[in-house]
Amino acid sequence: MQTVHDMDELKTRVQCIGQDSRQNRYYSFCQMFDKDCRVYRLAAGSPRVIARGGFVPERWELLFDSVEGLRRFIAHLKNCKGAAKTAERKLEVAAENIALLMDANEEKMAKEREKEQKKALYDLMPRRRSNRVQEVSDVQAESLHAEAVANEHAQEQANRQRQSQAMRELKAKVHFSEPAFQNYPGLF
């Protein structure tokens, strides 16, 4: 899958495909012909000035986002009469070119959709693991468990050694007789 960062700068530019008789401009995202068919309309006279300290955005609207919408748009442009017909003729030609590109890629898109559906179904299917792989993972789990038990045992033994060393040091510092310690069996 190609991302915008991977694309050539010219391919990522938005192209104005034409203007109608009302001076509305139409824009297409040509780098995405193989995925979708979107055409936006920028309304004529959209403000592009700073008003009261803030930027007033242009008024963009999605005209259509499907091949069916593109075909309806072409039919609408063909039905224009009079002065509007001459203004919309270039727009009609550009829309027909987009339709031709979509038709050329339709088979490719259908195969790609079918491939994605098959992959999705395959991903949902339960997988049987081989016994060898299962045995290896069981051995690894057992060795990890044994290692954890050994580490825990070693830590307990180290704690006991530290405690006994601390007791020896405490006995050496305190000069009590041995019978006095026997009165407190849980202490030492």
Protein backbone atom coordinates (compact mmCIF):
# COMPACT_ATOMS: atom_id res chain seq x y z
CA MET A 1 0.00 0.00 0.00
CA GLN A 2 1.38 3.36 -0.99
CA THR A 3 1.16 6.27 1.45
CA VAL A 4 1.16 9.97 0.69
CA HIS A 5 4.72 10.25 1.98
CA ASP A 6 5.87 7.66 -0.57
CA MET A 7 4.18 9.36 -3.54
CA ASP A 8 5.71 11.77 -5.98
CA GLU A 9 4.93 15.42 -5.23
CA LEU A 10 3.08 15.87 -8.51
CA LYS A 11 0.80 12.94 -7.79
CA THR A 12 -0.29 14.33 -4.43
CA ARG A 13 -1.47 17.65 -5.81
CA VAL A 14 -5.15 18.33 -6.14
CA GLN A 15 -6.14 18.97 -9.74
CA CYS A 16 -8.83 21.39 -10.81
CA ILE A 17 -10.70 19.48 -13.49
CA GLY A 18 -12.81 22.43 -14.61
CA GLN A 19 -15.34 25.17 -13.94
CA ASP A 20 -19.04 25.36 -14.58
CA SER A 21 -21.04 28.36 -15.81
CA ARG A 22 -21.50 29.61 -12.21
CA GLN A 23 -17.69 29.73 -11.72
CA ASN A 24 -17.76 26.78 -9.30
CA ARG A 25 -14.50 24.87 -9.54
CA TYR A 26 -14.29 21.07 -9.41
CA TYR A 27 -11.34 19.17 -7.98
CA SER A 28 -10.34 15.54 -8.25
CA PHE A 29 -7.83 13.46 -6.33
CA CYS A 30 -6.27 11.68 -9.30
CA GLN A 31 -3.74 9.63 -7.32
CA MET A 32 -6.59 7.61 -5.83
CA PHE A 33 -8.34 6.51 -9.04
CA ASP A 34 -7.68 2.88 -8.30
CA LYS A 35 -9.33 3.13 -4.87
CA ASP A 36 -12.19 5.60 -5.12
CA CYS A 37 -13.68 8.33 -7.22
CA ARG A 38 -14.15 11.58 -5.32
CA VAL A 39 -14.79 14.97 -6.82
CA TYR A 40 -15.17 18.08 -4.70
CA ARG A 41 -16.75 21.39 -5.64
CA LEU A 42 -15.40 24.72 -4.45
CA ALA A 43 -18.26 27.19 -4.52
CA ALA A 44 -17.74 30.36 -6.53
CA GLY A 45 -16.98 33.45 -4.51
CA SER A 46 -15.84 31.47 -1.48
CA PRO A 47 -14.17 33.89 0.92
CA ARG A 48 -10.40 33.65 1.10
CA VAL A 49 -9.71 36.68 3.25
CA ILE A 50 -9.02 37.21 6.89
CA ALA A 51 -12.16 38.36 8.68
CA ARG A 52 -12.11 39.66 12.27
CA GLY A 53 -8.72 38.21 13.06
CA GLY A 54 -9.46 34.70 11.81
CA PHE A 55 -9.21 32.85 8.52
CA VAL A 56 -12.52 32.17 6.83
CA PRO A 57 -12.20 28.77 5.12
CA GLU A 58 -13.29 28.15 1.57
CA ARG A 59 -16.51 26.21 1.14
CA TRP A 60 -15.65 22.74 -0.16
CA GLU A 61 -18.30 20.12 -0.67
CA LEU A 62 -18.09 16.51 -1.73
CA LEU A 63 -19.98 16.26 -5.00
CA PHE A 64 -19.80 12.47 -5.33
CA ASP A 65 -17.68 9.59 -4.15
CA SER A 66 -18.70 6.69 -6.37
CA VAL A 67 -18.62 5.67 -10.00
CA GLU A 68 -22.43 5.89 -10.10
CA GLY A 69 -22.26 9.47 -8.88
CA LEU A 70 -19.68 10.24 -11.57
CA ARG A 71 -21.95 8.81 -14.25
CA ARG A 72 -24.93 10.86 -12.99
CA PHE A 73 -22.71 13.98 -13.02
CA ILE A 74 -21.67 13.31 -16.64
CA ALA A 75 -25.34 12.80 -17.62
CA HIS A 76 -26.24 16.10 -15.94
CA LEU A 77 -23.47 17.90 -17.82
CA LYS A 78 -24.64 16.42 -21.14
CA ASN A 79 -28.19 17.69 -20.51
CA CYS A 80 -27.07 21.32 -20.11
CA LYS A 81 -28.36 23.67 -22.79
CA GLY A 82 -27.47 27.12 -24.16
CA ALA A 83 -24.65 29.17 -22.66
CA ALA A 84 -24.16 26.67 -19.85
CA LYS A 85 -23.35 23.97 -22.41
CA THR A 86 -20.17 25.69 -23.59
CA ALA A 87 -18.95 26.33 -20.03
CA GLU A 88 -19.59 22.77 -18.90
CA ARG A 89 -18.12 21.09 -22.00
CA LYS A 90 -14.54 21.09 -20.62
CA LEU A 91 -15.81 19.83 -17.28
CA GLU A 92 -17.72 17.07 -19.06
CA VAL A 93 -14.60 15.97 -20.97
CA ALA A 94 -12.57 15.89 -17.74
CA ALA A 95 -15.27 13.86 -15.98
CA GLU A 96 -15.41 11.42 -18.90
CA ASN A 97 -11.62 11.00 -18.69
CA ILE A 98 -11.98 10.14 -15.01
CA ALA A 99 -14.71 7.64 -15.91
CA LEU A 100 -12.41 6.04 -18.53
CA LEU A 101 -9.66 5.67 -15.94
CA MET A 102 -12.12 4.14 -13.48
CA ASP A 103 -13.37 1.68 -16.13
CA ALA A 104 -9.79 0.69 -16.98
CA ASN A 105 -9.07 -0.03 -13.32
CA GLU A 106 -12.42 -1.70 -12.55
CA GLU A 107 -11.14 -5.23 -13.23
CA LYS A 108 -8.02 -4.58 -11.19
CA MET A 109 -10.12 -3.20 -8.32
CA ALA A 110 -12.48 -6.21 -8.43
CA LYS A 111 -9.54 -8.63 -8.23
CA GLU A 112 -8.03 -6.65 -5.37
CA ARG A 113 -11.34 -6.63 -3.45
CA GLU A 114 -11.68 -10.39 -4.00
CA LYS A 115 -8.12 -10.90 -2.79
CA GLU A 116 -8.78 -8.82 0.35
CA GLN A 117 -11.97 -10.79 1.05
CA LYS A 118 -10.12 -14.10 0.70
CA LYS A 119 -7.38 -12.86 3.00
CA ALA A 120 -9.95 -11.74 5.58
CA LEU A 121 -11.65 -15.16 5.45
CA TYR A 122 -8.30 -16.91 5.72
CA ASP A 123 -7.39 -14.82 8.75
CA LEU A 124 -10.65 -15.86 10.43
CA MET A 125 -10.08 -19.57 9.88
CA PRO A 126 -8.76 -21.57 12.85
CA ARG A 127 -5.23 -22.77 12.34
CA ARG A 128 -3.87 -26.14 13.33
CA ARG A 129 -0.39 -26.02 14.71
CA SER A 130 2.00 -28.85 14.03
CA ASN A 131 2.89 -31.18 16.89
CA ARG A 132 6.56 -30.36 16.52
CA VAL A 133 5.93 -26.65 17.01
CA GLN A 134 3.65 -27.41 19.97
CA GLU A 135 6.32 -29.65 21.55
CA VAL A 136 8.99 -26.97 21.12
CA SER A 137 6.77 -24.33 22.72
CA ASP A 138 5.93 -26.74 25.59
CA VAL A 139 9.63 -27.41 26.21
CA GLN A 140 10.35 -23.69 26.17
CA ALA A 141 7.53 -23.05 28.64
CA GLU A 142 8.80 -25.81 30.94
CA SER A 143 12.36 -24.47 30.83
CA LEU A 144 11.14 -20.95 31.61
CA HIS A 145 9.14 -22.28 34.55
CA ALA A 146 12.10 -24.31 35.83
CA GLU A 147 14.35 -21.27 35.50
CA ALA A 148 11.86 -19.12 37.43
CA VAL A 149 11.64 -21.75 40.22
CA ALA A 150 15.44 -21.98 40.38
CA ASN A 151 15.76 -18.20 40.59
CA GLU A 152 13.15 -18.06 43.34
CA HIS A 153 14.94 -20.82 45.28
CA ALA A 154 18.31 -19.09 44.90
CA GLN A 155 16.81 -15.80 46.08
CA GLU A 156 15.28 -17.48 49.16
CA GLN A 157 18.59 -19.12 49.99
CA ALA A 158 20.42 -15.79 49.60
CA ASN A 159 17.87 -14.17 51.94
CA ARG A 160 18.39 -16.91 54.54
CA GLN A 161 22.16 -16.48 54.32
CA ARG A 162 21.84 -12.71 54.77
CA GLN A 163 19.57 -13.22 57.78
CA SER A 164 21.92 -15.73 59.41
CA GLN A 165 24.89 -13.39 58.74
CA ALA A 166 22.94 -10.51 60.30
CA MET A 167 22.18 -12.71 63.33
CA ARG A 168 25.83 -13.63 63.77
CA GLU A 169 26.80 -9.96 63.59
CA LEU A 170 24.06 -9.03 66.07
CA LYS A 171 25.17 -11.77 68.48
CA ALA A 172 28.72 -10.53 68.20
CA LYS A 173 27.66 -6.96 69.03
CA VAL A 174 25.35 -7.85 71.89
CA HIS A 175 27.08 -9.50 74.84
CA PHE A 176 24.29 -11.59 76.22
CA SER A 177 24.82 -15.03 77.45
CA GLU A 178 23.51 -17.90 75.39
CA PRO A 179 20.78 -18.94 77.88
CA ALA A 180 19.19 -15.45 77.56
CA PHE A 181 18.61 -16.08 73.87
CA GLN A 182 16.94 -19.39 74.63
CA ASN A 183 14.10 -17.59 76.40
CA TYR A 184 13.13 -16.04 73.05
CA PRO A 185 13.15 -18.90 70.52
CA GLY A 186 11.29 -17.01 67.78
CA LEU A 187 13.69 -14.06 67.95
CA PHE A 188 16.82 -15.88 66.76
